[in-house]
Amino acid sequence: MMPASEGIFAMLDSAYGFLTRSDVIVPVCIFVAGAIWFAKRGFGATRSAEPFNARDIRTWPLWFVFVDALLFVVVFAAITAALGEDWYIYAIAAGVAAILTFGLAPAILTKMRK
């Protein structure tokens, strides 16, 4: 049986891993998402005249792009902090985060707005 102090340190290590990953990835993802959004607007690939549709990425306002990027980072960092560091863990975490942020989050938001 594991002593109580080892469990606490393992929990603190996971929290530390989550915070360090989030601390590094959040500014980068927010900057990249914003840069891509502005580039798409510059090339005319957005539909800013149309009303917001969570299922159509071309109608997303900048705030929704930032929230979606932040959600991706939080899910990715949580999975990698919980499961460890290895190449296949990163692939699993990125896949799950992409499914949640680009698949389920817009669907949930669409249902909430109705």
C-alpha atoms as a PDB file:
ATOM      1  CA  MET A   1       0.000   0.000   0.000  1.00  0.00           C
ATOM      2  CA  MET A   2       1.223   3.448  -0.917  1.00  0.00           C
ATOM      3  CA  PRO A   3       1.851   5.938   1.907  1.00  0.00           C
ATOM      4  CA  ALA A   4      -0.432   8.975   1.845  1.00  0.00           C
ATOM      5  CA  SER A   5       2.463  11.350   1.211  1.00  0.00           C
ATOM      6  CA  GLU A   6       3.371   9.600  -2.065  1.00  0.00           C
ATOM      7  CA  GLY A   7      -0.193   9.976  -3.334  1.00  0.00           C
ATOM      8  CA  ILE A   8      -0.166  13.678  -2.542  1.00  0.00           C
ATOM      9  CA  PHE A   9       3.158  14.164  -4.331  1.00  0.00           C
ATOM     10  CA  ALA A  10       1.894  12.248  -7.347  1.00  0.00           C
ATOM     11  CA  MET A  11      -1.172  14.468  -7.453  1.00  0.00           C
ATOM     12  CA  LEU A  12       0.977  17.605  -7.148  1.00  0.00           C
ATOM     13  CA  ASP A  13       3.234  16.302  -9.918  1.00  0.00           C
ATOM     14  CA  SER A  14       0.227  15.862 -12.221  1.00  0.00           C
ATOM     15  CA  ALA A  15      -1.039  19.344 -11.366  1.00  0.00           C
ATOM     16  CA  TYR A  16       2.441  20.758 -11.967  1.00  0.00           C
ATOM     17  CA  GLY A  17       2.632  18.955 -15.330  1.00  0.00           C
ATOM     18  CA  PHE A  18      -0.791  20.310 -16.324  1.00  0.00           C
ATOM     19  CA  LEU A  19       0.107  23.878 -15.357  1.00  0.00           C
ATOM     20  CA  THR A  20       3.503  23.854 -17.076  1.00  0.00           C
ATOM     21  CA  ARG A  21       2.052  22.440 -20.288  1.00  0.00           C
ATOM     22  CA  SER A  22      -0.794  24.942 -20.224  1.00  0.00           C
ATOM     23  CA  ASP A  23       1.577  27.795 -19.443  1.00  0.00           C
ATOM     24  CA  VAL A  24       3.637  27.060 -22.535  1.00  0.00           C
ATOM     25  CA  ILE A  25       0.937  26.017 -24.981  1.00  0.00           C
ATOM     26  CA  VAL A  26      -1.833  28.581 -24.276  1.00  0.00           C
ATOM     27  CA  PRO A  27      -0.049  31.705 -25.570  1.00  0.00           C
ATOM     28  CA  VAL A  28       1.233  29.882 -28.634  1.00  0.00           C
ATOM     29  CA  CYS A  29      -2.166  28.418 -29.557  1.00  0.00           C
ATOM     30  CA  ILE A  30      -3.987  31.694 -28.946  1.00  0.00           C
ATOM     31  CA  PHE A  31      -1.470  33.597 -31.090  1.00  0.00           C
ATOM     32  CA  VAL A  32      -1.583  31.027 -33.911  1.00  0.00           C
ATOM     33  CA  ALA A  33      -5.394  30.813 -33.865  1.00  0.00           C
ATOM     34  CA  GLY A  34      -5.669  34.606 -33.996  1.00  0.00           C
ATOM     35  CA  ALA A  35      -3.090  34.877 -36.778  1.00  0.00           C
ATOM     36  CA  ILE A  36      -4.916  32.268 -38.854  1.00  0.00           C
ATOM     37  CA  TRP A  37      -8.251  34.019 -38.238  1.00  0.00           C
ATOM     38  CA  PHE A  38      -6.839  37.382 -39.380  1.00  0.00           C
ATOM     39  CA  ALA A  39      -5.151  35.736 -42.394  1.00  0.00           C
ATOM     40  CA  LYS A  40      -8.438  34.108 -43.402  1.00  0.00           C
ATOM     41  CA  ARG A  41     -10.191  37.462 -43.140  1.00  0.00           C
ATOM     42  CA  GLY A  42      -7.467  39.058 -45.239  1.00  0.00           C
ATOM     43  CA  PHE A  43      -7.918  36.479 -47.998  1.00  0.00           C
ATOM     44  CA  GLY A  44     -11.707  36.745 -47.837  1.00  0.00           C
ATOM     45  CA  ALA A  45     -12.228  33.156 -46.692  1.00  0.00           C
ATOM     46  CA  THR A  46     -14.586  34.123 -43.876  1.00  0.00           C
ATOM     47  CA  ARG A  47     -18.294  34.816 -43.942  1.00  0.00           C
ATOM     48  CA  SER A  48     -18.452  37.695 -41.504  1.00  0.00           C
ATOM     49  CA  ALA A  49     -21.645  39.062 -43.084  1.00  0.00           C
ATOM     50  CA  GLU A  50     -23.536  35.868 -42.231  1.00  0.00           C
ATOM     51  CA  PRO A  51     -24.844  35.179 -38.710  1.00  0.00           C
ATOM     52  CA  PHE A  52     -22.763  33.082 -36.338  1.00  0.00           C
ATOM     53  CA  ASN A  53     -23.051  29.361 -36.954  1.00  0.00           C
ATOM     54  CA  ALA A  54     -21.064  27.164 -34.580  1.00  0.00           C
ATOM     55  CA  ARG A  55     -20.895  24.359 -37.150  1.00  0.00           C
ATOM     56  CA  ASP A  56     -19.390  26.594 -39.888  1.00  0.00           C
ATOM     57  CA  ILE A  57     -15.853  27.640 -38.982  1.00  0.00           C
ATOM     58  CA  ARG A  58     -15.977  30.446 -41.566  1.00  0.00           C
ATOM     59  CA  THR A  59     -18.581  32.331 -39.496  1.00  0.00           C
ATOM     60  CA  TRP A  60     -16.741  32.066 -36.168  1.00  0.00           C
ATOM     61  CA  PRO A  61     -15.954  35.387 -34.503  1.00  0.00           C
ATOM     62  CA  LEU A  62     -12.531  35.931 -32.983  1.00  0.00           C
ATOM     63  CA  TRP A  63     -13.762  35.323 -29.415  1.00  0.00           C
ATOM     64  CA  PHE A  64     -15.053  31.868 -30.354  1.00  0.00           C
ATOM     65  CA  VAL A  65     -11.758  31.007 -32.053  1.00  0.00           C
ATOM     66  CA  PHE A  66      -9.911  31.938 -28.858  1.00  0.00           C
ATOM     67  CA  VAL A  67     -12.287  29.935 -26.648  1.00  0.00           C
ATOM     68  CA  ASP A  68     -11.974  26.927 -28.942  1.00  0.00           C
ATOM     69  CA  ALA A  69      -8.162  27.147 -28.910  1.00  0.00           C
ATOM     70  CA  LEU A  70      -8.173  27.462 -25.127  1.00  0.00           C
ATOM     71  CA  LEU A  71     -10.444  24.442 -24.774  1.00  0.00           C
ATOM     72  CA  PHE A  72      -8.113  22.444 -27.042  1.00  0.00           C
ATOM     73  CA  VAL A  73      -5.095  23.346 -24.906  1.00  0.00           C
ATOM     74  CA  VAL A  74      -6.819  22.518 -21.620  1.00  0.00           C
ATOM     75  CA  VAL A  75      -7.975  19.104 -22.853  1.00  0.00           C
ATOM     76  CA  PHE A  76      -4.567  18.341 -24.392  1.00  0.00           C
ATOM     77  CA  ALA A  77      -2.658  19.384 -21.270  1.00  0.00           C
ATOM     78  CA  ALA A  78      -4.990  17.455 -18.959  1.00  0.00           C
ATOM     79  CA  ILE A  79      -4.636  14.234 -20.935  1.00  0.00           C
ATOM     80  CA  THR A  80      -0.847  14.449 -21.246  1.00  0.00           C
ATOM     81  CA  ALA A  81      -0.479  15.314 -17.557  1.00  0.00           C
ATOM     82  CA  ALA A  82      -2.659  12.362 -16.570  1.00  0.00           C
ATOM     83  CA  LEU A  83      -1.211   9.746 -18.929  1.00  0.00           C
ATOM     84  CA  GLY A  84       2.444  10.742 -19.119  1.00  0.00           C
ATOM     85  CA  GLU A  85       4.882  11.763 -21.801  1.00  0.00           C
ATOM     86  CA  ASP A  86       5.359   9.658 -24.891  1.00  0.00           C
ATOM     87  CA  TRP A  87       4.752  10.160 -28.599  1.00  0.00           C
ATOM     88  CA  TYR A  88       1.607   8.038 -28.692  1.00  0.00           C
ATOM     89  CA  ILE A  89       0.176   9.849 -25.649  1.00  0.00           C
ATOM     90  CA  TYR A  90       0.609  13.150 -27.497  1.00  0.00           C
ATOM     91  CA  ALA A  91      -1.155  11.704 -30.537  1.00  0.00           C
ATOM     92  CA  ILE A  92      -4.043  10.411 -28.423  1.00  0.00           C
ATOM     93  CA  ALA A  93      -4.311  13.711 -26.525  1.00  0.00           C
ATOM     94  CA  ALA A  94      -4.306  15.771 -29.732  1.00  0.00           C
ATOM     95  CA  GLY A  95      -6.936  13.541 -31.319  1.00  0.00           C
ATOM     96  CA  VAL A  96      -9.251  13.615 -28.321  1.00  0.00           C
ATOM     97  CA  ALA A  97      -8.803  17.375 -27.924  1.00  0.00           C
ATOM     98  CA  ALA A  98      -9.563  17.943 -31.619  1.00  0.00           C
ATOM     99  CA  ILE A  99     -12.675  15.769 -31.467  1.00  0.00           C
ATOM    100  CA  LEU A 100     -13.930  17.620 -28.398  1.00  0.00           C
ATOM    101  CA  THR A 101     -13.153  21.144 -29.583  1.00  0.00           C
ATOM    102  CA  PHE A 102     -14.091  20.884 -33.243  1.00  0.00           C
ATOM    103  CA  GLY A 103     -16.794  18.237 -32.997  1.00  0.00           C
ATOM    104  CA  LEU A 104     -18.610  18.366 -29.706  1.00  0.00           C
ATOM    105  CA  ALA A 105     -18.093  21.970 -28.548  1.00  0.00           C
ATOM    106  CA  PRO A 106     -19.830  23.569 -31.567  1.00  0.00           C
ATOM    107  CA  ALA A 107     -22.664  21.037 -31.339  1.00  0.00           C
ATOM    108  CA  ILE A 108     -23.190  21.752 -27.645  1.00  0.00           C
ATOM    109  CA  LEU A 109     -23.017  25.501 -28.233  1.00  0.00           C
ATOM    110  CA  THR A 110     -25.575  25.251 -31.034  1.00  0.00           C
ATOM    111  CA  LYS A 111     -27.992  23.385 -28.762  1.00  0.00           C
ATOM    112  CA  MET A 112     -27.434  25.855 -25.924  1.00  0.00           C
ATOM    113  CA  ARG A 113     -28.145  28.871 -28.151  1.00  0.00           C
ATOM    114  CA  LYS A 114     -31.558  27.528 -29.252  1.00  0.00           C
END
